[in-house]
Amino acid sequence: MLKQKRQLFEYLFMVADLAVVSVAWVVAYCLRFMTDIVPVDKGVPEFGPYLSMTVFIWLIWAFVFRRMGLYRPMRGVRRARELWVLVNANALAILLLISITYLFREKSVQFSRLVFVYFWALATVFTVGQRAMLRFLLRELRRKGYNLRYMLIVGAGRVAGDLASRVRLHQELGIQLLGCLSKTADEKRGPGGIPVVGRYEDVGQFIGRTDLDQIVVALPLEDHQRLPEIMAQLKDSIVDIKIVPDLYQFASLGGAIEEFEGLPVISLQECPLDGINLFTKRVVDLVLGCSLLVVFSPLMLLISALVKLSSRGPIFFKQERVSFDGSRFSILKFRTMYMNAESHGPGWTTPGDHRVTPLGRFLRSTSLDELPQLLNVIKGDMSIVGPRPERPVFIQEFRRRIPRYMLRHKVPAGITGWAQVNGWRGDTSIDKRIEYDLYYIEHWSLLLDLKILWLTLFKGFRNRNAY
């Protein structure tokens, strides 16, 4: 029932979005050609070609809004975040629409550029206003008790509490919790304040109630041996029955439910960066890597000369690092230390480290020593955006001490990353870096990569923790 109701609201929002952008397109035409805001010098064009463009508008807006997650449940997402996504989605959609008009336009039809400007502004305002009004109306209807559905949870553990929290976040679904069943029913309240209304063996007594629409079995892992008994009581029930397994302790990355030849498969550890996504990221890396190498080549030649003149030794420093799927490669940097700096073994640099050259200290603090890694990106050893690669000698230590550390190797290592732009680089908490790296992996998208690149321009080069 939850899935059907969610799909119903997805279609409701989609229809409302397409309706208001259609109105925005018509209003944009009227503003341009039926008002004197900007004088019309070449006559008023026929409305027919503009009307035919609504088909492309529907297809483009539906595609872009869905791809940008505007029809997915935004659990706990602030409305400011939805507003920001709407603004970006309308901007991307208008660019695609303009491209379509230039690609398929007839010689006799010239669409006004000012109409597109009006349309972009109106579509943004209308979709934002429409969604705010629709959410307000839904909340008011639910608050007044219209079209409510009632749910009973079998279980009183962590999963039951999380399920109750998510249901309460989406009041627009109209799901009301009758309570939960526990093993003993000794307490009046379960997790998250859910009222305990009975024990597991009482579930059969609720089947005949007219105010019950769905039963969700969310047993704690230690009570899963009771599942056959509970399902036996529910075999003749006509209400919807769902099972939410208690697998939190095993899920580590990107948990999801898949289907293989009709067999449901629960994925506990999966990275979104695979298949076409990984291919797309590689293409972007090649384009950006080659472009940035051309842009920075004069600076790199200057740094090379300064490194060679300032101290004895090679220009570049090579060091073994670990990247995607545990593969090893030699990372390239401008040399910032004197020769034989690690003759006594590997170690972190410290404040005032005598092994670092004066030029090297400047290169480290500005991250200019990492420019040669663009060659690693072009070669395919690493990506422009991703977790920073670490040395094998330190990985063995970190994997024993830090839970889930090795999951950061499920994506290519990067020159810059989510942890770096948030200040966790150099001599900072490795635990916090892992936390930010795992967030990046779980929420990866090209938009997130572009956001990280944008933030790198402002706060990704200066390294206050470099020695």
Protein backbone atom coordinates (compact mmCIF):
# COMPACT_ATOMS: atom_id res chain seq x y z
CA MET A 1 0.00 0.00 0.00
CA LEU A 2 2.83 2.39 0.79
CA LYS A 3 4.28 1.89 -2.69
CA GLN A 4 0.92 2.42 -4.41
CA LYS A 5 0.18 5.55 -2.37
CA ARG A 6 3.66 6.91 -3.05
CA GLN A 7 3.20 6.33 -6.80
CA LEU A 8 -0.18 8.04 -6.65
CA PHE A 9 1.39 11.15 -5.15
CA GLU A 10 4.26 11.01 -7.65
CA TYR A 11 1.74 11.11 -10.52
CA LEU A 12 -0.21 13.85 -8.76
CA PHE A 13 2.88 16.04 -8.46
CA MET A 14 3.94 15.27 -12.04
CA VAL A 15 0.54 16.22 -13.48
CA ALA A 16 0.51 19.42 -11.42
CA ASP A 17 4.06 20.30 -12.55
CA LEU A 18 3.26 19.75 -16.22
CA ALA A 19 0.04 21.74 -15.92
CA VAL A 20 1.74 24.81 -14.45
CA VAL A 21 4.68 24.77 -16.90
CA SER A 22 2.14 24.60 -19.75
CA VAL A 23 0.42 27.66 -18.31
CA ALA A 24 3.81 29.34 -17.92
CA TRP A 25 4.58 28.73 -21.62
CA VAL A 26 1.28 30.28 -22.73
CA VAL A 27 1.70 33.25 -20.37
CA ALA A 28 5.25 33.77 -21.64
CA TYR A 29 3.93 33.98 -25.22
CA CYS A 30 1.24 36.47 -24.17
CA LEU A 31 3.72 38.64 -22.25
CA ARG A 32 6.00 38.83 -25.25
CA PHE A 33 3.52 39.43 -28.05
CA MET A 34 0.37 40.82 -26.38
CA THR A 35 1.88 43.41 -24.07
CA ASP A 36 4.09 46.43 -24.59
CA ILE A 37 6.80 45.40 -22.11
CA VAL A 38 9.15 45.00 -25.09
CA PRO A 39 7.93 46.41 -28.44
CA VAL A 40 7.15 43.81 -31.13
CA ASP A 41 8.94 44.95 -34.29
CA LYS A 42 8.53 41.94 -36.61
CA GLY A 43 4.87 41.20 -36.10
CA VAL A 44 3.08 38.67 -33.91
CA PRO A 45 3.87 35.05 -34.93
CA GLU A 46 1.19 32.37 -35.08
CA PHE A 47 0.44 30.61 -31.81
CA GLY A 48 0.28 27.16 -33.46
CA PRO A 49 4.03 26.41 -33.51
CA TYR A 50 4.31 27.57 -29.92
CA LEU A 51 1.38 25.37 -28.92
CA SER A 52 3.00 22.33 -30.56
CA MET A 53 6.08 22.85 -28.38
CA THR A 54 4.07 21.88 -25.28
CA VAL A 55 4.61 18.20 -26.18
CA PHE A 56 8.38 18.67 -25.95
CA ILE A 57 7.93 20.70 -22.76
CA TRP A 58 6.01 17.85 -21.10
CA LEU A 59 8.63 15.27 -22.10
CA ILE A 60 11.60 17.40 -21.06
CA TRP A 61 10.19 18.59 -17.72
CA ALA A 62 8.98 15.13 -16.75
CA PHE A 63 12.37 13.61 -17.63
CA VAL A 64 14.49 16.27 -15.87
CA PHE A 65 12.33 16.46 -12.73
CA ARG A 66 12.36 12.67 -12.37
CA ARG A 67 16.12 12.41 -12.97
CA MET A 68 16.79 15.09 -10.36
CA GLY A 69 14.76 13.24 -7.74
CA LEU A 70 11.82 15.62 -7.50
CA TYR A 71 9.35 12.72 -7.55
CA ARG A 72 11.14 10.66 -4.89
CA PRO A 73 10.06 10.90 -1.24
CA MET A 74 12.24 13.59 0.38
CA ARG A 75 12.54 12.09 3.84
CA GLY A 76 13.35 14.88 6.21
CA VAL A 77 14.65 17.11 3.42
CA ARG A 78 14.24 20.80 4.13
CA ARG A 79 11.96 22.74 1.81
CA ALA A 80 14.88 25.05 1.03
CA ARG A 81 16.64 22.03 -0.48
CA GLU A 82 13.60 21.22 -2.64
CA LEU A 83 13.47 24.86 -3.73
CA TRP A 84 17.13 24.75 -4.78
CA VAL A 85 16.60 21.53 -6.78
CA LEU A 86 13.53 23.03 -8.47
CA VAL A 87 15.49 26.12 -9.55
CA ASN A 88 18.28 23.95 -11.01
CA ALA A 89 15.85 21.54 -12.66
CA ASN A 90 13.98 24.36 -14.41
CA ALA A 91 17.27 25.86 -15.59
CA LEU A 92 18.44 22.54 -17.04
CA ALA A 93 15.06 21.87 -18.65
CA ILE A 94 14.98 25.28 -20.36
CA LEU A 95 18.45 24.67 -21.78
CA LEU A 96 17.30 21.34 -23.21
CA LEU A 97 14.19 22.97 -24.65
CA ILE A 98 16.25 25.68 -26.36
CA SER A 99 18.52 22.98 -27.80
CA ILE A 100 15.48 21.12 -29.16
CA THR A 101 14.09 24.25 -30.84
CA TYR A 102 17.42 24.94 -32.56
CA LEU A 103 17.82 21.31 -33.60
CA PHE A 104 14.37 20.76 -35.08
CA ARG A 105 13.24 24.27 -36.00
CA GLU A 106 11.74 24.95 -39.41
CA LYS A 107 13.15 27.75 -41.49
CA SER A 108 9.80 29.50 -41.44
CA VAL A 109 9.51 29.36 -37.62
CA GLN A 110 11.73 31.46 -35.38
CA PHE A 111 11.03 31.20 -31.67
CA SER A 112 11.52 34.38 -29.68
CA ARG A 113 14.44 34.23 -27.26
CA LEU A 114 12.59 36.57 -24.93
CA VAL A 115 9.76 34.03 -24.68
CA PHE A 116 12.25 31.51 -23.34
CA VAL A 117 13.49 34.02 -20.75
CA TYR A 118 9.94 34.75 -19.60
CA PHE A 119 9.13 31.03 -19.62
CA TRP A 120 12.15 30.10 -17.48
CA ALA A 121 11.24 32.71 -14.84
CA LEU A 122 7.55 31.83 -14.85
CA ALA A 123 8.09 28.05 -14.82
CA THR A 124 10.39 28.37 -11.82
CA VAL A 125 7.97 30.57 -9.88
CA PHE A 126 4.92 28.49 -10.84
CA THR A 127 6.43 25.10 -9.96
CA VAL A 128 7.73 26.38 -6.63
CA GLY A 129 4.38 27.97 -5.78
CA GLN A 130 2.37 24.98 -7.00
CA ARG A 131 4.34 22.52 -4.89
CA ALA A 132 4.09 24.68 -1.79
CA MET A 133 0.32 25.01 -2.25
CA LEU A 134 -0.17 21.30 -3.00
CA ARG A 135 1.76 20.23 0.08
CA PHE A 136 -0.23 22.69 2.20
CA LEU A 137 -3.56 21.36 0.90
CA LEU A 138 -2.53 17.74 1.47
CA ARG A 139 -1.45 18.50 5.02
CA GLU A 140 -4.75 20.24 5.73
CA LEU A 141 -6.77 17.34 4.33
CA ARG A 142 -4.87 14.81 6.40
CA ARG A 143 -5.10 16.99 9.49
CA LYS A 144 -8.87 17.00 9.12
CA GLY A 145 -8.91 13.20 8.88
CA TYR A 146 -9.78 12.67 5.21
CA ASN A 147 -8.77 9.43 3.43
CA LEU A 148 -6.60 8.08 6.25
CA ARG A 149 -5.08 4.57 6.26
CA TYR A 150 -4.24 2.67 9.43
CA MET A 151 -1.13 0.57 10.06
CA LEU A 152 -0.13 -1.95 12.72
CA ILE A 153 3.54 -2.81 13.27
CA VAL A 154 4.49 -6.29 14.51
CA GLY A 155 7.75 -5.69 16.36
CA ALA A 156 9.11 -3.25 18.90
CA GLY A 157 12.77 -2.92 18.00
CA ARG A 158 14.96 -0.52 16.10
CA VAL A 159 13.39 -1.31 12.72
CA ALA A 160 9.90 -0.64 14.07
CA GLY A 161 11.04 2.69 15.50
CA ASP A 162 12.67 3.75 12.22
CA LEU A 163 9.59 2.73 10.26
CA ALA A 164 7.35 4.78 12.56
CA SER A 165 9.65 7.80 12.19
CA ARG A 166 9.50 7.61 8.39
CA VAL A 167 5.71 7.28 8.37
CA ARG A 168 5.43 10.38 10.57
CA LEU A 169 7.74 12.31 8.25
CA HIS A 170 5.29 11.73 5.38
CA GLN A 171 2.01 12.90 6.81
CA GLU A 172 0.80 13.60 3.25
CA LEU A 173 0.46 9.81 2.82
CA GLY A 174 -2.26 9.76 5.45
CA ILE A 175 -0.85 6.72 7.29
CA GLN A 176 -1.91 6.52 10.94
CA LEU A 177 -0.17 4.11 13.33
CA LEU A 178 -2.48 2.07 15.54
CA GLY A 179 0.50 0.84 17.54
CA CYS A 180 2.93 -2.05 17.68
CA LEU A 181 3.05 -5.61 19.03
CA SER A 182 5.98 -6.73 21.17
CA LYS A 183 7.25 -9.99 22.59
CA THR A 184 6.01 -9.40 26.13
CA ALA A 185 3.90 -6.20 26.06
CA ASP A 186 5.32 -5.30 29.48
CA GLU A 187 5.81 -1.67 28.47
CA LYS A 188 3.12 0.74 27.33
CA ARG A 189 5.38 2.50 24.82
CA GLY A 190 7.69 1.08 22.18
CA PRO A 191 10.53 2.74 20.20
CA GLY A 192 9.80 6.28 19.12
CA GLY A 193 6.83 6.46 21.48
CA ILE A 194 4.69 3.94 19.57
CA PRO A 195 1.94 2.57 21.82
CA VAL A 196 2.31 -1.16 22.53
CA VAL A 197 -1.15 -2.66 21.91
CA GLY A 198 -0.40 -6.36 22.41
CA ARG A 199 1.94 -9.31 21.95
CA TYR A 200 3.01 -11.17 18.80
CA GLU A 201 0.48 -13.91 19.38
CA ASP A 202 -2.32 -11.29 19.43
CA VAL A 203 -1.87 -10.34 15.77
CA GLY A 204 -4.75 -12.58 14.67
CA GLN A 205 -7.17 -10.52 16.78
CA PHE A 206 -6.52 -7.43 14.65
CA ILE A 207 -7.31 -9.04 11.28
CA GLY A 208 -11.06 -8.47 11.48
CA ARG A 209 -10.84 -4.81 12.49
CA THR A 210 -12.33 -2.45 9.92
CA ASP A 211 -9.90 0.32 10.81
CA LEU A 212 -6.80 -1.70 9.85
CA ASP A 213 -5.44 -1.44 6.30
CA GLN A 214 -1.88 -2.71 6.58
CA ILE A 215 0.25 -4.91 8.83
CA VAL A 216 4.03 -4.46 8.70
CA VAL A 217 6.12 -7.23 10.26
CA ALA A 218 9.32 -5.58 11.55
CA LEU A 219 10.71 -8.10 14.01
CA PRO A 220 14.07 -7.57 15.72
CA LEU A 221 16.67 -10.07 14.52
CA GLU A 222 16.57 -11.99 17.80
CA ASP A 223 12.81 -12.60 17.36
CA HIS A 224 12.87 -13.82 13.75
CA GLN A 225 12.20 -17.41 14.86
CA ARG A 226 8.66 -16.17 15.62
CA LEU A 227 8.05 -15.23 11.96
CA PRO A 228 6.47 -18.57 10.86
CA GLU A 229 4.06 -18.40 13.80
CA ILE A 230 3.05 -14.82 12.99
CA MET A 231 2.63 -15.49 9.26
CA ALA A 232 0.49 -18.53 10.01
CA GLN A 233 -1.96 -16.23 11.83
CA LEU A 234 -2.01 -13.83 8.86
CA LYS A 235 -2.51 -16.38 6.07
CA ASP A 236 -6.24 -15.60 5.75
CA SER A 237 -5.92 -11.85 6.19
CA ILE A 238 -7.23 -9.53 3.47
CA VAL A 239 -5.19 -6.51 4.61
CA ASP A 240 -1.85 -5.62 3.03
CA ILE A 241 1.08 -7.40 4.68
CA LYS A 242 4.68 -6.21 4.41
CA ILE A 243 7.92 -7.49 5.95
CA VAL A 244 10.81 -5.19 6.87
CA PRO A 245 13.84 -7.36 7.79
CA ASP A 246 16.20 -6.29 10.55
CA LEU A 247 19.43 -6.07 8.56
CA TYR A 248 20.76 -2.72 9.78
CA GLN A 249 23.75 -4.27 11.49
CA PHE A 250 24.84 -5.90 8.23
CA ALA A 251 24.05 -3.11 5.76
CA SER A 252 27.15 -1.01 5.16
CA LEU A 253 26.72 0.79 1.86
CA GLY A 254 23.82 1.46 -0.50
CA GLY A 255 21.39 -1.19 0.73
CA ALA A 256 18.60 -1.98 -1.74
CA ILE A 257 16.13 -4.65 -2.83
CA GLU A 258 16.57 -6.17 -6.29
CA GLU A 259 14.87 -8.92 -8.25
CA PHE A 260 16.66 -11.74 -10.07
CA GLU A 261 14.42 -13.99 -12.18
CA GLY A 262 11.52 -13.41 -9.80
CA LEU A 263 13.64 -13.98 -6.69
CA PRO A 264 13.88 -10.97 -4.30
CA VAL A 265 17.49 -10.21 -3.41
CA ILE A 266 18.49 -7.80 -0.64
CA SER A 267 21.69 -5.90 -1.39
CA LEU A 268 23.57 -4.91 1.76
CA GLN A 269 26.65 -3.37 0.19
CA GLU A 270 26.40 -1.73 -3.21
CA CYS A 271 27.94 1.36 -4.78
CA PRO A 272 25.91 3.61 -7.13
CA LEU A 273 29.07 4.24 -9.17
CA ASP A 274 28.87 1.32 -11.57
CA GLY A 275 28.01 0.57 -15.18
CA ILE A 276 26.96 3.65 -17.15
CA ASN A 277 27.66 5.90 -14.14
CA LEU A 278 31.28 4.74 -13.95
CA PHE A 279 31.65 5.16 -17.73
CA THR A 280 30.20 8.69 -17.58
CA LYS A 281 32.52 9.63 -14.72
CA ARG A 282 35.50 8.36 -16.74
CA VAL A 283 34.49 10.43 -19.78
CA VAL A 284 34.17 13.55 -17.60
CA ASP A 285 37.58 12.82 -16.07
CA LEU A 286 39.22 12.57 -19.49
CA VAL A 287 37.65 15.79 -20.76
CA LEU A 288 38.38 17.80 -17.60
CA GLY A 289 41.80 16.21 -17.06
CA CYS A 290 43.02 17.05 -20.56
CA SER A 291 41.55 20.57 -20.39
CA LEU A 292 43.07 21.34 -16.98
CA LEU A 293 46.44 19.94 -18.05
CA VAL A 294 46.51 22.36 -20.98
CA VAL A 295 45.43 25.28 -18.76
CA PHE A 296 47.99 24.57 -16.02
CA SER A 297 50.87 23.46 -18.25
CA PRO A 298 52.68 26.87 -18.12
CA LEU A 299 52.44 26.89 -14.32
CA MET A 300 53.60 23.28 -14.14
CA LEU A 301 56.65 24.10 -16.30
CA LEU A 302 57.51 27.00 -13.98
CA ILE A 303 57.14 24.83 -10.85
CA SER A 304 59.27 22.11 -12.47
CA ALA A 305 62.09 24.59 -13.06
CA LEU A 306 61.86 25.95 -9.49
CA VAL A 307 61.92 22.44 -7.96
CA LYS A 308 64.98 21.52 -10.02
CA LEU A 309 66.83 24.73 -9.17
CA SER A 310 65.94 24.89 -5.45
CA SER A 311 67.19 21.47 -4.32
CA ARG A 312 68.99 18.37 -5.53
CA GLY A 313 66.86 15.52 -6.82
CA PRO A 314 64.15 14.69 -9.38
CA ILE A 315 61.30 17.04 -10.22
CA PHE A 316 58.54 14.50 -9.56
CA PHE A 317 57.95 12.33 -6.55
CA LYS A 318 56.37 8.89 -7.03
CA GLN A 319 54.69 6.95 -4.27
CA GLU A 320 52.57 3.81 -4.23
CA ARG A 321 48.91 4.42 -3.42
CA VAL A 322 45.68 2.38 -3.45
CA SER A 323 42.65 3.26 -5.59
CA PHE A 324 39.56 1.59 -7.09
CA ASP A 325 38.92 -2.01 -5.92
CA GLY A 326 42.25 -2.04 -4.08
CA SER A 327 44.34 -1.56 -7.23
CA ARG A 328 47.77 -0.01 -6.67
CA PHE A 329 49.38 2.74 -8.70
CA SER A 330 52.22 5.27 -8.51
CA ILE A 331 50.90 8.71 -7.66
CA LEU A 332 52.73 11.71 -9.12
CA LYS A 333 53.52 14.88 -7.19
CA PHE A 334 56.03 17.68 -7.40
CA ARG A 335 58.85 16.80 -5.02
CA THR A 336 58.50 18.83 -1.81
CA MET A 337 61.12 17.11 0.38
CA TYR A 338 64.86 16.73 0.32
CA MET A 339 66.37 13.51 -1.00
CA ASN A 340 66.19 10.41 1.23
CA ALA A 341 63.56 12.05 3.43
CA GLU A 342 62.11 8.65 4.41
CA SER A 343 65.39 6.86 4.99
CA HIS A 344 64.18 6.01 8.52
CA GLY A 345 60.80 4.72 7.34
CA PRO A 346 57.43 6.20 6.26
CA GLY A 347 55.70 8.75 8.44
CA TRP A 348 53.47 11.80 8.48
CA THR A 349 54.96 15.27 8.18
CA THR A 350 54.95 17.37 11.36
CA PRO A 351 54.93 21.13 12.02
CA GLY A 352 58.32 22.58 11.08
CA ASP A 353 59.40 19.25 9.52
CA HIS A 354 63.04 19.68 8.48
CA ARG A 355 62.56 17.23 5.59
CA VAL A 356 60.34 19.69 3.65
CA THR A 357 62.06 22.21 1.38
CA PRO A 358 61.09 25.93 1.58
CA LEU A 359 59.54 25.71 -1.89
CA GLY A 360 57.88 22.43 -0.93
CA ARG A 361 56.22 24.05 2.08
CA PHE A 362 54.61 26.63 -0.23
CA LEU A 363 53.55 23.99 -2.76
CA ARG A 364 51.97 21.87 -0.03
CA SER A 365 50.07 24.76 1.54
CA THR A 366 48.59 25.72 -1.85
CA SER A 367 48.12 22.12 -3.11
CA LEU A 368 50.13 22.97 -6.22
CA ASP A 369 52.29 19.91 -5.59
CA GLU A 370 49.30 17.78 -6.66
CA LEU A 371 48.97 19.19 -10.19
CA PRO A 372 50.91 16.28 -11.78
CA GLN A 373 48.11 13.99 -10.63
CA LEU A 374 46.21 15.19 -13.69
CA LEU A 375 48.44 12.72 -15.55
CA ASN A 376 47.21 9.97 -13.19
CA VAL A 377 43.64 10.99 -14.02
CA ILE A 378 44.22 10.84 -17.77
CA LYS A 379 45.97 7.49 -17.39
CA GLY A 380 42.99 6.12 -15.44
CA ASP A 381 44.73 5.55 -12.11
CA MET A 382 42.41 7.96 -10.32
CA SER A 383 39.56 10.42 -10.81
CA ILE A 384 39.39 14.17 -10.37
CA VAL A 385 36.79 13.77 -7.59
CA GLY A 386 36.91 10.95 -5.05
CA PRO A 387 38.41 9.89 -1.72
CA ARG A 388 42.10 10.73 -1.41
CA PRO A 389 44.29 7.66 -2.06
CA GLU A 390 46.31 6.34 0.87
CA ARG A 391 49.58 4.42 1.13
CA PRO A 392 49.35 0.63 1.59
CA VAL A 393 51.44 0.76 4.76
CA PHE A 394 48.88 3.02 6.45
CA ILE A 395 45.86 1.17 5.04
CA GLN A 396 46.77 -1.96 6.97
CA GLU A 397 46.71 0.08 10.18
CA PHE A 398 43.50 1.98 9.38
CA ARG A 399 41.48 -1.07 8.35
CA ARG A 400 42.12 -2.69 11.75
CA ARG A 401 41.25 0.43 13.69
CA ILE A 402 38.45 2.09 11.70
CA PRO A 403 35.20 0.23 10.84
CA ARG A 404 34.18 0.27 7.15
CA TYR A 405 37.48 1.87 6.14
CA MET A 406 37.96 -0.36 3.08
CA LEU A 407 34.59 0.72 1.59
CA ARG A 408 36.25 3.94 0.39
CA HIS A 409 38.02 1.81 -2.24
CA LYS A 410 34.73 1.00 -3.98
CA VAL A 411 35.18 4.17 -6.07
CA PRO A 412 38.25 5.61 -7.84
CA ALA A 413 40.50 7.76 -5.68
CA GLY A 414 40.44 11.48 -6.45
CA ILE A 415 42.53 14.64 -6.45
CA THR A 416 39.81 16.44 -4.50
CA GLY A 417 36.83 15.12 -2.58
CA TRP A 418 33.92 15.76 -0.23
CA ALA A 419 36.14 15.43 2.84
CA GLN A 420 38.73 17.84 1.43
CA VAL A 421 36.30 20.66 0.59
CA ASN A 422 34.83 20.31 4.09
CA GLY A 423 38.23 20.86 5.70
CA TRP A 424 39.18 17.25 6.51
CA ARG A 425 42.56 16.94 4.84
CA GLY A 426 46.17 16.73 5.90
CA ASP A 427 46.78 16.17 9.61
CA THR A 428 43.10 15.90 10.63
CA SER A 429 40.82 13.18 12.01
CA ILE A 430 40.96 10.09 9.81
CA ASP A 431 37.59 9.00 11.26
CA LYS A 432 35.92 12.20 10.02
CA ARG A 433 37.53 11.79 6.61
CA ILE A 434 36.12 8.27 6.34
CA GLU A 435 32.70 9.56 7.40
CA TYR A 436 32.71 12.15 4.61
CA ASP A 437 34.14 9.69 2.07
CA LEU A 438 31.35 7.19 2.75
CA TYR A 439 28.74 9.95 2.47
CA TYR A 440 30.17 10.80 -0.96
CA ILE A 441 30.03 7.17 -2.09
CA GLU A 442 26.44 6.62 -0.89
CA HIS A 443 25.16 9.88 -2.43
CA TRP A 444 27.30 9.96 -5.57
CA SER A 445 25.99 11.81 -8.62
CA LEU A 446 27.50 13.97 -11.35
CA LEU A 447 25.86 16.97 -9.71
CA LEU A 448 27.68 16.18 -6.46
CA ASP A 449 30.97 15.91 -8.38
CA LEU A 450 30.35 19.30 -9.97
CA LYS A 451 29.48 20.78 -6.58
CA ILE A 452 32.76 19.49 -5.14
CA LEU A 453 34.71 20.93 -8.07
CA TRP A 454 33.00 24.28 -7.54
CA LEU A 455 33.79 24.27 -3.82
CA THR A 456 37.39 23.28 -4.59
CA LEU A 457 37.86 26.58 -6.44
CA PHE A 458 37.14 28.49 -3.23
CA LYS A 459 38.39 26.34 -0.39
CA GLY A 460 40.00 23.22 -1.83
CA PHE A 461 43.44 24.57 -2.73
CA ARG A 462 44.52 26.22 0.49
CA ASN A 463 45.64 23.53 2.92
CA ARG A 464 45.94 24.88 6.47
CA ASN A 465 47.03 21.45 7.74
CA ALA A 466 49.97 21.03 5.33
CA TYR A 467 53.47 21.03 6.86
